[in-house]
Protein backbone atom coordinates (compact mmCIF):
# COMPACT_ATOMS: atom_id res chain seq x y z
CA MET A 1 -106.32 62.47 -321.99
CA ILE A 2 -108.05 59.14 -322.02
CA GLU A 3 -104.83 57.35 -321.94
CA TYR A 4 -103.80 59.33 -318.83
CA LEU A 5 -106.94 58.51 -317.13
CA ARG A 6 -106.46 54.80 -317.94
CA VAL A 7 -102.95 54.77 -316.44
CA LEU A 8 -104.10 56.71 -313.48
CA GLY A 9 -107.07 54.13 -312.84
CA VAL A 10 -104.32 51.33 -313.15
CA VAL A 11 -102.01 53.12 -310.72
CA LEU A 12 -104.98 53.84 -308.26
CA LEU A 13 -106.02 50.13 -308.51
CA MET A 14 -102.60 48.90 -307.76
CA VAL A 15 -102.29 51.07 -304.63
CA LEU A 16 -105.90 49.70 -303.45
CA VAL A 17 -104.74 46.19 -304.17
CA GLY A 18 -101.60 46.66 -302.39
CA ARG A 19 -103.31 48.38 -299.39
CA LEU A 20 -105.97 45.53 -299.17
CA GLN A 21 -103.25 42.85 -299.44
CA ALA A 22 -101.35 44.69 -296.70
CA GLN A 23 -103.96 43.40 -294.34
CA CYS A 24 -103.15 39.90 -295.14
CA VAL A 25 -99.48 39.29 -295.88
CA VAL A 26 -97.02 39.89 -292.94
CA ILE A 27 -93.44 39.06 -291.71
CA ASN A 28 -93.95 36.21 -289.58
CA GLU A 29 -90.57 34.50 -288.43
CA VAL A 30 -87.16 35.32 -289.41
CA LEU A 31 -83.92 33.63 -288.71
CA VAL A 32 -81.80 36.52 -287.89
CA ASN A 33 -78.23 35.16 -287.50
CA ALA A 34 -77.40 31.74 -288.91
CA ALA A 35 -75.11 29.32 -287.08
CA GLY A 36 -71.78 28.49 -288.22
CA ASN A 37 -69.72 29.51 -291.52
CA CYS A 38 -72.99 30.67 -293.28
CA ASP A 39 -73.71 33.39 -290.92
CA GLY A 40 -73.36 36.15 -293.67
CA SER A 41 -70.30 34.56 -295.25
CA CYS A 42 -71.80 32.12 -297.71
CA VAL A 43 -72.61 34.27 -300.67
CA PRO A 44 -75.05 33.94 -302.20
CA SER A 45 -76.10 30.93 -300.16
CA THR A 46 -76.51 32.13 -296.80
CA ALA A 47 -78.26 30.00 -294.09
CA GLU A 48 -80.59 32.72 -292.96
CA TRP A 49 -84.30 32.62 -294.01
CA LEU A 50 -87.32 34.61 -293.70
CA GLU A 51 -90.99 33.53 -293.62
CA LEU A 52 -94.08 35.43 -294.96
CA HIS A 53 -97.58 34.49 -293.73
CA ASN A 54 -101.06 35.03 -295.55
CA THR A 55 -103.29 35.69 -292.61
CA CYS A 56 -106.36 35.72 -294.82
CA ALA A 57 -108.42 32.78 -296.21
CA ASP A 58 -108.00 33.73 -299.81
CA PRO A 59 -104.87 33.47 -301.72
CA VAL A 60 -102.58 36.50 -302.38
CA ASN A 61 -100.37 37.27 -305.37
CA VAL A 62 -97.11 38.75 -304.03
CA GLY A 63 -95.50 38.88 -307.45
CA CYS A 64 -93.21 42.04 -307.62
CA TYR A 65 -93.33 42.49 -303.76
CA PHE A 66 -89.78 42.79 -302.43
CA ILE A 67 -88.00 42.72 -299.18
CA THR A 68 -85.17 45.01 -298.17
CA ASP A 69 -82.72 45.82 -295.21
CA GLY A 70 -81.51 48.92 -296.96
CA ASP A 71 -78.19 47.05 -298.18
CA PHE A 72 -80.00 44.89 -300.75
CA SER A 73 -83.50 43.61 -301.66
CA VAL A 74 -84.98 40.50 -302.83
CA THR A 75 -87.67 40.92 -305.37
CA LEU A 76 -90.32 37.93 -305.68
CA PRO A 77 -90.89 36.72 -309.32
CA SER A 78 -94.33 37.62 -310.87
CA ASN A 79 -97.42 35.36 -310.02
CA THR A 80 -95.79 34.24 -306.70
CA THR A 81 -98.71 33.36 -304.63
CA ILE A 82 -99.15 32.67 -300.80
CA LEU A 83 -102.20 30.46 -300.36
CA GLY A 84 -104.87 31.34 -297.72
CA ASN A 85 -103.49 31.02 -294.29
CA GLY A 86 -100.49 29.86 -295.97
CA PHE A 87 -96.63 30.49 -295.72
CA LEU A 88 -93.81 31.41 -298.13
CA VAL A 89 -90.29 30.79 -297.15
CA ILE A 90 -87.41 32.73 -298.51
CA GLY A 91 -83.93 31.12 -298.13
CA SER A 92 -81.14 29.18 -299.80
CA VAL A 93 -79.56 25.73 -299.92
CA ASN A 94 -77.55 26.31 -296.71
CA SER A 95 -80.71 27.25 -294.69
CA ASN A 96 -81.68 23.75 -293.82
CA ALA A 97 -85.16 24.62 -294.76
CA ASP A 98 -87.58 23.84 -297.35
CA VAL A 99 -87.58 27.16 -299.15
CA ASP A 100 -90.26 28.24 -301.74
CA ILE A 101 -87.99 30.81 -303.11
CA ASN A 102 -84.31 29.85 -303.24
CA LEU A 103 -82.05 32.83 -303.29
CA ALA A 104 -79.24 31.08 -304.65
CA PHE A 105 -80.84 30.29 -307.94
CA CYS A 106 -83.76 32.62 -308.42
CA ASN A 107 -81.80 35.64 -309.67
CA CYS A 108 -84.17 37.90 -307.73
CA THR A 109 -81.96 39.99 -305.61
CA SER A 110 -80.32 43.34 -306.27
CA GLY A 111 -77.33 44.91 -304.14
CA ALA A 112 -73.72 44.89 -303.69
CA ASP A 113 -72.24 41.79 -305.03
CA GLY A 114 -75.54 39.98 -304.80
CA GLU A 115 -75.22 39.50 -301.18
CA ILE A 116 -77.93 37.89 -299.41
CA GLY A 117 -76.76 37.65 -295.81
CA ILE A 118 -78.59 40.72 -294.61
CA PHE A 119 -79.59 39.89 -291.03
CA THR A 120 -76.29 39.35 -289.45
CA ASN A 121 -75.66 41.95 -286.73
CA GLY A 122 -77.15 43.43 -283.83
CA ASN A 123 -78.86 46.47 -285.30
CA GLU A 124 -80.71 45.76 -288.52
CA GLN A 125 -84.24 46.17 -290.17
CA ILE A 126 -86.41 44.48 -292.67
CA ALA A 127 -89.16 46.07 -294.63
CA LEU A 128 -91.86 44.11 -296.94
CA VAL A 129 -92.83 46.31 -299.79
CA ASN A 130 -95.68 45.92 -302.13
CA PRO A 131 -95.37 46.56 -305.88
CA VAL A 132 -96.01 50.37 -305.84
CA GLY A 133 -93.45 50.99 -303.26
CA GLN A 134 -95.66 51.04 -299.91
CA ILE A 135 -94.03 49.46 -296.92
CA ILE A 136 -96.77 47.06 -295.65
CA ASP A 137 -94.80 45.38 -292.75
CA GLY A 138 -91.42 46.00 -291.15
CA ILE A 139 -89.53 44.97 -288.21
CA TYR A 140 -86.12 45.90 -286.77
CA TRP A 141 -83.91 45.02 -283.70
CA GLY A 142 -81.58 46.90 -281.69
CA ALA A 143 -81.53 50.40 -283.07
CA GLY A 144 -81.80 49.29 -286.83
CA GLN A 145 -79.39 50.78 -289.36
CA PHE A 146 -81.84 53.57 -290.56
CA SER A 147 -79.24 56.33 -290.29
CA GLN A 148 -76.71 54.26 -292.52
CA THR A 149 -79.29 53.00 -294.92
CA PRO A 150 -82.20 55.70 -294.96
CA SER A 151 -83.50 54.49 -298.39
CA PHE A 152 -83.09 51.92 -301.06
CA THR A 153 -83.87 51.68 -304.75
CA THR A 154 -84.66 48.24 -306.37
CA ASP A 155 -83.42 46.95 -309.84
CA ALA A 156 -86.21 46.32 -312.31
CA LEU A 157 -86.47 42.54 -312.20
CA PHE A 158 -89.11 40.13 -313.70
CA GLY A 159 -91.04 43.02 -315.38
CA CYS A 160 -91.33 44.61 -312.31
CA SER A 161 -90.92 48.49 -312.07
CA SER A 162 -87.83 49.79 -309.94
CA GLN A 163 -89.00 51.35 -306.54
CA THR A 164 -87.37 53.49 -304.02
CA VAL A 165 -88.48 53.33 -300.39
CA ALA A 166 -87.63 55.36 -297.33
CA LEU A 167 -86.37 53.58 -294.38
CA SER A 168 -87.22 55.25 -290.86
CA ALA A 169 -87.85 53.76 -287.36
CA SER A 170 -90.54 56.69 -287.12
CA ASN A 171 -92.53 54.83 -289.65
CA PRO A 172 -95.31 53.36 -287.50
CA VAL A 173 -95.34 50.34 -289.80
CA PHE A 174 -92.07 49.22 -288.33
CA THR A 175 -91.98 47.16 -285.08
CA GLN A 176 -89.08 46.71 -282.84
CA VAL A 177 -88.49 42.97 -282.04
CA PRO A 178 -86.27 41.22 -279.70
CA THR A 179 -82.76 39.81 -280.76
CA ALA A 180 -81.85 36.29 -281.04
CA ASP A 181 -78.69 34.11 -280.69
CA ASP A 182 -77.18 32.51 -283.81
CA GLY A 183 -79.33 29.84 -285.28
CA GLN A 184 -82.54 30.93 -283.42
CA THR A 185 -85.60 32.61 -284.60
CA ILE A 186 -87.61 35.68 -283.81
CA TYR A 187 -91.51 35.14 -284.44
CA ARG A 188 -94.77 36.49 -283.76
CA SER A 189 -96.57 35.42 -280.67
CA CYS A 190 -99.49 32.94 -281.23
CA GLU A 191 -101.72 34.88 -278.68
CA ASP A 192 -100.75 38.27 -279.91
CA PRO A 193 -99.36 38.60 -283.36
CA SER A 194 -98.34 42.12 -282.61
CA VAL A 195 -95.87 40.77 -279.82
CA TRP A 196 -92.52 39.34 -281.26
CA LEU A 197 -90.76 36.51 -279.30
CA ALA A 198 -87.24 35.13 -279.15
CA ASP A 199 -87.33 32.08 -276.86
CA GLY A 200 -84.11 30.05 -277.75
CA ALA A 201 -85.71 28.00 -280.32
CA ASN A 202 -85.47 27.71 -284.04
CA TYR A 203 -89.14 26.60 -285.33
CA THR A 204 -89.91 24.94 -288.50
CA PRO A 205 -90.26 27.45 -291.27
CA GLY A 206 -93.42 27.21 -293.47
CA ALA A 207 -95.72 26.00 -290.46
CA PRO A 208 -97.44 27.75 -287.60
CA ASN A 209 -95.13 29.36 -284.89
CA GLY A 210 -94.03 26.89 -282.34
CA GLU A 211 -94.54 24.04 -284.32
CA GLU A 212 -92.08 21.19 -283.97
CA GLY A 213 -93.45 18.48 -286.23
CA ALA A 214 -96.29 17.29 -284.04
CA GLY A 215 -98.75 18.68 -286.57
CA ASN A 216 -101.44 21.30 -285.88
CA LEU A 217 -105.01 21.37 -285.11
CA THR A 218 -107.91 21.95 -287.52
CA ILE A 219 -111.67 21.86 -287.29
CA ASN A 220 -113.87 20.42 -290.15
CA SER A 221 -117.28 21.39 -290.28
CA SER A 222 -119.96 19.14 -291.83
CA ASP A 223 -121.61 22.25 -293.43
CA ASN A 224 -120.04 25.48 -294.12
CA ASN A 225 -123.32 27.23 -294.80
CA PRO A 226 -125.86 25.96 -292.49
CA CYS A 227 -129.29 27.31 -292.26
CA ALA A 228 -131.30 28.54 -289.11
CA GLY A 229 -132.85 25.45 -287.36
CA GLU A 230 -130.15 23.14 -288.60
CA SER A 231 -127.25 21.71 -286.65
CA VAL A 232 -123.47 21.41 -287.54
CA THR A 233 -120.96 18.81 -286.54
CA LEU A 234 -117.64 20.05 -285.89
CA THR A 235 -114.50 17.65 -285.81
CA VAL A 236 -111.14 18.23 -284.79
CA LEU A 237 -108.42 16.86 -286.98
CA GLY A 238 -104.50 16.63 -286.40
CA THR A 239 -104.76 14.63 -283.07
CA THR A 240 -106.35 11.56 -281.52
CA GLN A 241 -105.52 12.52 -278.05
CA SER A 242 -107.68 14.25 -275.45
CA VAL A 243 -109.05 17.68 -276.58
CA ALA A 244 -110.79 20.45 -274.94
CA TRP A 245 -113.43 22.46 -276.62
CA ASN A 246 -114.72 25.72 -275.13
CA THR A 247 -118.09 24.22 -274.89
CA GLY A 248 -116.83 22.02 -272.16
CA SER A 249 -116.69 18.83 -274.25
CA ASN A 250 -113.69 16.53 -274.58
CA ALA A 251 -114.96 14.77 -277.62
CA GLN A 252 -113.45 14.57 -280.97
CA SER A 253 -116.65 15.99 -282.54
CA ILE A 254 -119.21 18.10 -281.25
CA THR A 255 -122.68 19.04 -282.56
CA VAL A 256 -123.71 22.76 -282.33
CA SER A 257 -127.01 24.64 -283.28
CA GLN A 258 -126.06 28.17 -282.09
CA ALA A 259 -123.95 30.68 -283.82
CA GLY A 260 -120.49 31.41 -282.39
CA THR A 261 -116.91 30.78 -282.31
CA TYR A 262 -115.95 27.37 -281.13
CA THR A 263 -112.20 26.76 -280.06
CA VAL A 264 -110.48 23.24 -279.26
CA THR A 265 -107.00 22.84 -277.65
CA ALA A 266 -104.78 19.88 -277.53
CA ASP A 267 -101.94 19.77 -274.77
CA GLU A 268 -99.56 17.60 -276.61
CA ILE A 269 -99.27 20.02 -279.58
CA VAL A 270 -96.84 22.74 -279.17
CA GLY A 271 -97.22 26.40 -280.14
CA CYS A 272 -99.80 28.16 -282.42
CA GLY A 273 -100.86 24.65 -283.76
CA SER A 274 -102.00 23.51 -280.20
CA SER A 275 -105.47 25.21 -280.66
CA ALA A 276 -107.83 25.85 -283.68
CA SER A 277 -110.94 28.12 -283.82
CA ILE A 278 -113.91 28.19 -286.11
CA THR A 279 -116.75 30.44 -286.41
CA VAL A 280 -120.13 29.23 -287.26
CA ASN A 281 -122.88 31.37 -288.66
CA PHE A 282 -126.46 30.17 -289.69
CA GLN A 283 -128.06 31.72 -292.57
CA ALA A 284 -131.75 32.89 -292.01
CA GLY A 285 -134.38 30.98 -293.96
CA PRO A 286 -136.87 32.73 -296.17
CA THR A 287 -140.10 34.06 -294.63
CA VAL A 288 -143.14 31.79 -295.56
CA ASP A 289 -146.85 31.90 -294.63
CA ALA A 290 -149.22 29.20 -296.09
CA GLY A 291 -152.21 31.46 -295.11
CA GLN A 292 -155.37 30.19 -293.93
CA GLY A 293 -156.73 26.55 -294.45
CA GLY A 294 -160.52 25.78 -293.93
CA LEU A 295 -163.24 24.08 -295.90
CA ALA A 296 -163.02 23.17 -299.50
CA ASP A 297 -166.21 23.45 -301.37
CA CYS A 298 -166.67 20.18 -303.19
CA GLU A 299 -167.33 21.95 -306.53
CA ASN A 300 -165.12 25.09 -306.44
CA GLY A 301 -162.47 24.12 -303.83
CA LEU A 302 -160.52 26.49 -301.77
CA LEU A 303 -158.18 29.22 -303.02
CA LEU A 304 -155.01 29.06 -301.08
CA GLN A 305 -153.11 32.25 -300.38
CA GLY A 306 -149.45 31.68 -299.60
CA ALA A 307 -146.78 34.21 -299.17
CA THR A 308 -143.13 34.28 -299.20
CA ASN A 309 -139.84 36.11 -300.13
CA ALA A 310 -138.04 33.10 -301.19
CA ASP A 311 -136.37 32.57 -304.60
CA SER A 312 -138.56 29.33 -305.27
CA TYR A 313 -141.36 27.56 -303.52
CA PHE A 314 -143.94 24.74 -304.26
CA TRP A 315 -146.79 23.00 -302.33
CA GLU A 316 -146.72 19.62 -301.09
CA PRO A 317 -148.50 16.94 -301.40
CA THR A 318 -149.70 17.84 -305.07
CA THR A 319 -152.89 16.05 -304.85
CA GLY A 320 -155.85 17.99 -305.32
CA LEU A 321 -154.00 21.22 -306.11
CA SER A 322 -154.75 23.13 -309.36
CA ASP A 323 -150.91 24.24 -309.63
CA PRO A 324 -148.45 23.12 -307.00
CA ALA A 325 -145.89 25.69 -307.99
CA SER A 326 -148.31 28.71 -307.77
CA LEU A 327 -148.55 30.70 -304.24
CA SER A 328 -152.40 30.71 -304.88
CA PRO A 329 -153.52 27.19 -306.18
CA VAL A 330 -157.16 25.96 -305.76
CA ALA A 331 -157.21 23.17 -303.23
CA SER A 332 -159.80 20.48 -303.93
CA PRO A 333 -159.05 17.57 -301.73
CA VAL A 334 -161.42 14.49 -301.41
CA VAL A 335 -160.16 13.92 -297.91
CA PRO A 336 -158.92 16.20 -295.20
CA THR A 337 -155.39 17.21 -296.21
CA ASN A 338 -152.31 19.00 -294.64
CA TYR A 339 -150.80 21.20 -297.41
CA THR A 340 -147.15 22.38 -296.67
CA LEU A 341 -145.73 25.38 -298.64
CA HIS A 342 -141.83 24.92 -298.93
CA ALA A 343 -139.79 28.08 -299.62
CA ILE A 344 -136.21 27.89 -300.36
CA THR A 345 -133.48 30.53 -300.81
CA ASP A 346 -129.56 29.61 -301.03
CA ASP A 347 -130.32 26.15 -299.87
CA CYS A 348 -132.20 27.32 -296.89
CA GLU A 349 -135.79 26.16 -296.59
CA SER A 350 -138.74 27.27 -294.54
CA THR A 351 -142.12 25.70 -294.43
CA SER A 352 -145.61 26.60 -293.31
CA THR A 353 -148.59 24.08 -293.10
CA ILE A 354 -152.20 24.45 -293.35
CA THR A 355 -155.13 22.01 -293.19
CA VAL A 356 -157.87 21.77 -296.08
CA ILE A 357 -161.19 19.71 -295.26
CA PRO A 358 -163.64 19.06 -298.01
CA GLU A 359 -166.99 20.42 -297.50
CA CYS A 360 -169.79 18.84 -299.36
CA GLY A 361 -172.94 19.62 -297.25
CA ASN A 362 -175.93 17.21 -296.88
CA LEU A 363 -178.01 15.82 -299.78
CA LYS A 364 -181.56 17.26 -300.19
CA VAL A 365 -184.11 14.65 -300.72
CA PRO A 366 -187.34 15.66 -302.29
CA ASN A 367 -190.56 14.07 -300.95
CA VAL A 368 -192.81 14.50 -304.02
CA PHE A 369 -192.05 14.24 -307.70
CA THR A 370 -194.21 14.53 -310.94
CA PRO A 371 -193.00 12.54 -313.80
CA ASN A 372 -195.09 14.21 -316.42
CA ASN A 373 -192.22 15.16 -318.84
CA ASP A 374 -192.78 18.91 -318.36
CA GLY A 375 -188.85 19.16 -317.50
CA ILE A 376 -189.75 20.15 -313.91
CA ASN A 377 -189.13 17.51 -311.02
CA ASP A 378 -189.81 14.71 -313.42
CA VAL A 379 -187.19 12.46 -311.66
CA PHE A 380 -186.74 11.28 -308.04
CA ARG A 381 -183.16 11.54 -306.90
CA PRO A 382 -181.38 13.51 -304.08
CA GLU A 383 -179.61 16.97 -304.60
CA GLY A 384 -175.98 17.70 -303.67
CA LYS A 385 -172.46 17.34 -304.63
CA GLY A 386 -169.26 15.53 -303.56
CA ILE A 387 -170.75 12.20 -303.72
CA ALA A 388 -168.25 9.53 -303.99
CA LYS A 389 -170.25 6.38 -303.25
CA TYR A 390 -174.12 6.05 -303.69
CA SER A 391 -177.04 3.66 -303.78
CA LEU A 392 -180.78 4.37 -304.21
CA GLN A 393 -183.44 1.67 -303.79
CA VAL A 394 -187.17 2.45 -304.25
CA PHE A 395 -189.99 0.12 -303.00
CA ASN A 396 -193.72 0.09 -303.54
CA ARG A 397 -196.24 -0.23 -300.51
CA TRP A 398 -195.96 -4.06 -300.78
CA GLY A 399 -192.19 -3.83 -300.25
CA ILE A 400 -191.49 -4.79 -303.84
CA LEU A 401 -188.28 -3.08 -305.46
CA VAL A 402 -189.35 -0.94 -308.33
CA PHE A 403 -186.02 0.94 -308.97
CA GLU A 404 -182.45 0.54 -308.07
CA SER A 405 -179.22 2.66 -308.83
CA THR A 406 -175.70 3.17 -307.80
CA GLN A 407 -175.28 6.17 -310.24
CA TYR A 408 -176.02 9.42 -308.76
CA ASN A 409 -177.03 10.95 -312.17
CA ASN A 410 -179.58 8.02 -312.87
CA GLY A 411 -182.68 8.80 -310.80
CA TRP A 412 -186.13 7.14 -310.84
CA ASN A 413 -188.47 8.48 -313.72
CA GLY A 414 -191.52 6.95 -312.28
CA LYS A 415 -191.85 3.99 -314.37
CA VAL A 416 -191.66 0.20 -313.54
CA ASN A 417 -190.83 -2.13 -316.52
CA ASN A 418 -191.00 0.83 -318.71
CA GLU A 419 -194.68 1.47 -317.77
CA PRO A 420 -195.88 4.35 -315.57
CA ALA A 421 -195.98 3.53 -312.09
CA PRO A 422 -199.27 4.38 -310.37
CA ALA A 423 -199.48 7.50 -308.22
CA GLY A 424 -198.97 7.19 -304.61
CA THR A 425 -196.65 6.87 -301.76
CA TYR A 426 -193.33 4.81 -302.27
CA TYR A 427 -190.49 4.10 -299.85
CA PHE A 428 -186.81 4.40 -300.47
CA LEU A 429 -183.39 3.43 -298.73
CA LEU A 430 -180.67 5.89 -299.63
CA MET A 431 -176.76 5.63 -299.04
CA ALA A 432 -174.48 8.34 -300.02
CA ASN A 433 -170.92 8.92 -298.75
CA ASP A 434 -168.13 11.62 -299.89
CA ALA A 435 -164.58 10.54 -300.66
CA SER A 436 -163.48 10.46 -297.15
CA GLY A 437 -166.32 7.88 -296.32
CA GLN A 438 -168.46 10.52 -294.53
CA SER A 439 -172.18 10.07 -295.06
CA LEU A 440 -173.95 12.89 -296.73
CA VAL A 441 -177.45 11.85 -295.47
CA GLY A 442 -176.82 11.88 -291.71
CA ALA A 443 -176.84 8.12 -291.29
CA GLU A 444 -175.32 5.10 -292.78
CA VAL A 445 -178.60 4.52 -294.71
CA MET A 446 -181.40 7.00 -294.95
CA GLU A 447 -184.98 5.56 -294.85
CA GLY A 448 -187.81 7.73 -296.26
CA GLU A 449 -190.84 8.14 -298.33
CA VAL A 450 -191.74 9.90 -301.59
CA THR A 451 -195.03 10.75 -303.18
CA LEU A 452 -195.43 10.24 -306.90
CA ILE A 453 -198.10 12.53 -308.45
CA ARG A 454 -199.69 12.36 -311.83
């Protein structure tokens, strides 16, 4: 039972893969009737050829796919791959084409006498079939030969299983296409791939329809995954001549910042290669909010409260932050500082900025002190925080300097030359600035008096 379910799962997966790939690989161009002696008479080296096109951006493995007209089939060898937006040409040495699968040597056909000249009359059909026997694309011209060859069974080649397919014009996969003269191709229209054309030309197999060797346009993007708010430079490749963008520009390169499809054309290039398009999408950046800025207490700082849905984030600058990698660090700047929260997801960055200003307040200067060693008010000095630059000078009534210090923690203990100074009124000059150079005493230098009591 388990083995049955496993096999069933494999079959269902193959069917699913076949259906998905059916959206990509199509019959794109066919030389129906070769000119000259090899119009069906050179066995096995006919001059006819068929081109498959992968319309998707990713490679597709077409191993064990097969092509049949109902008389014989061509089975593609295992691991045959068509690159994204690429072509696969099936032909032989007489096709005058660079073939990817040479029918004369690949031993990948089945049918009467190994015949390969299958497209040599006015009524015919071609079916492209995936490895599980599902027709994924088909064309016919005239009335086809459905009544003559209503079905076909392949040989088991390259390890591929044998498949039987029914051929019928009523199958909606089949499209009726125009006929072409000997040595001319039928091919899909550039403007509408559902329309087939026969315009009397034999275009180069393995290239965009209408291509006659002039090259085809492509567009190069400076960034394939741009982020919202960024710009992208689009440059046309394949020509140095005048071009026309759907933006109205005629420059070789344009810079865009809006999502959309951008198309460029060049008149000197023929057919499908004369234009190219590219769709530009901008990834949305992550959400980010640095929160509220404000005043940072000199001792305790300010708790930042950032928020984001990003995969990674950090604050900048790091100066004065307790943890720049945290959403909620404590900011203790010594000068007014703009802090930016950077949020990054998939190479897209968003930012939010706040301003934090250190707030230390004004110093409080006592007007009385009692140096009696009782542990209370024994030293004269200002009270406050955030002092970065400091100077205190104390004078007696005759203007003689009795104390001086540039260290905030070093106050006057009421002694002069290590002897107790007499009680009375003394005068001081005080300078105190914070780290940003702002005065903490209301003026550049504060003048005042203090009473020493014993």
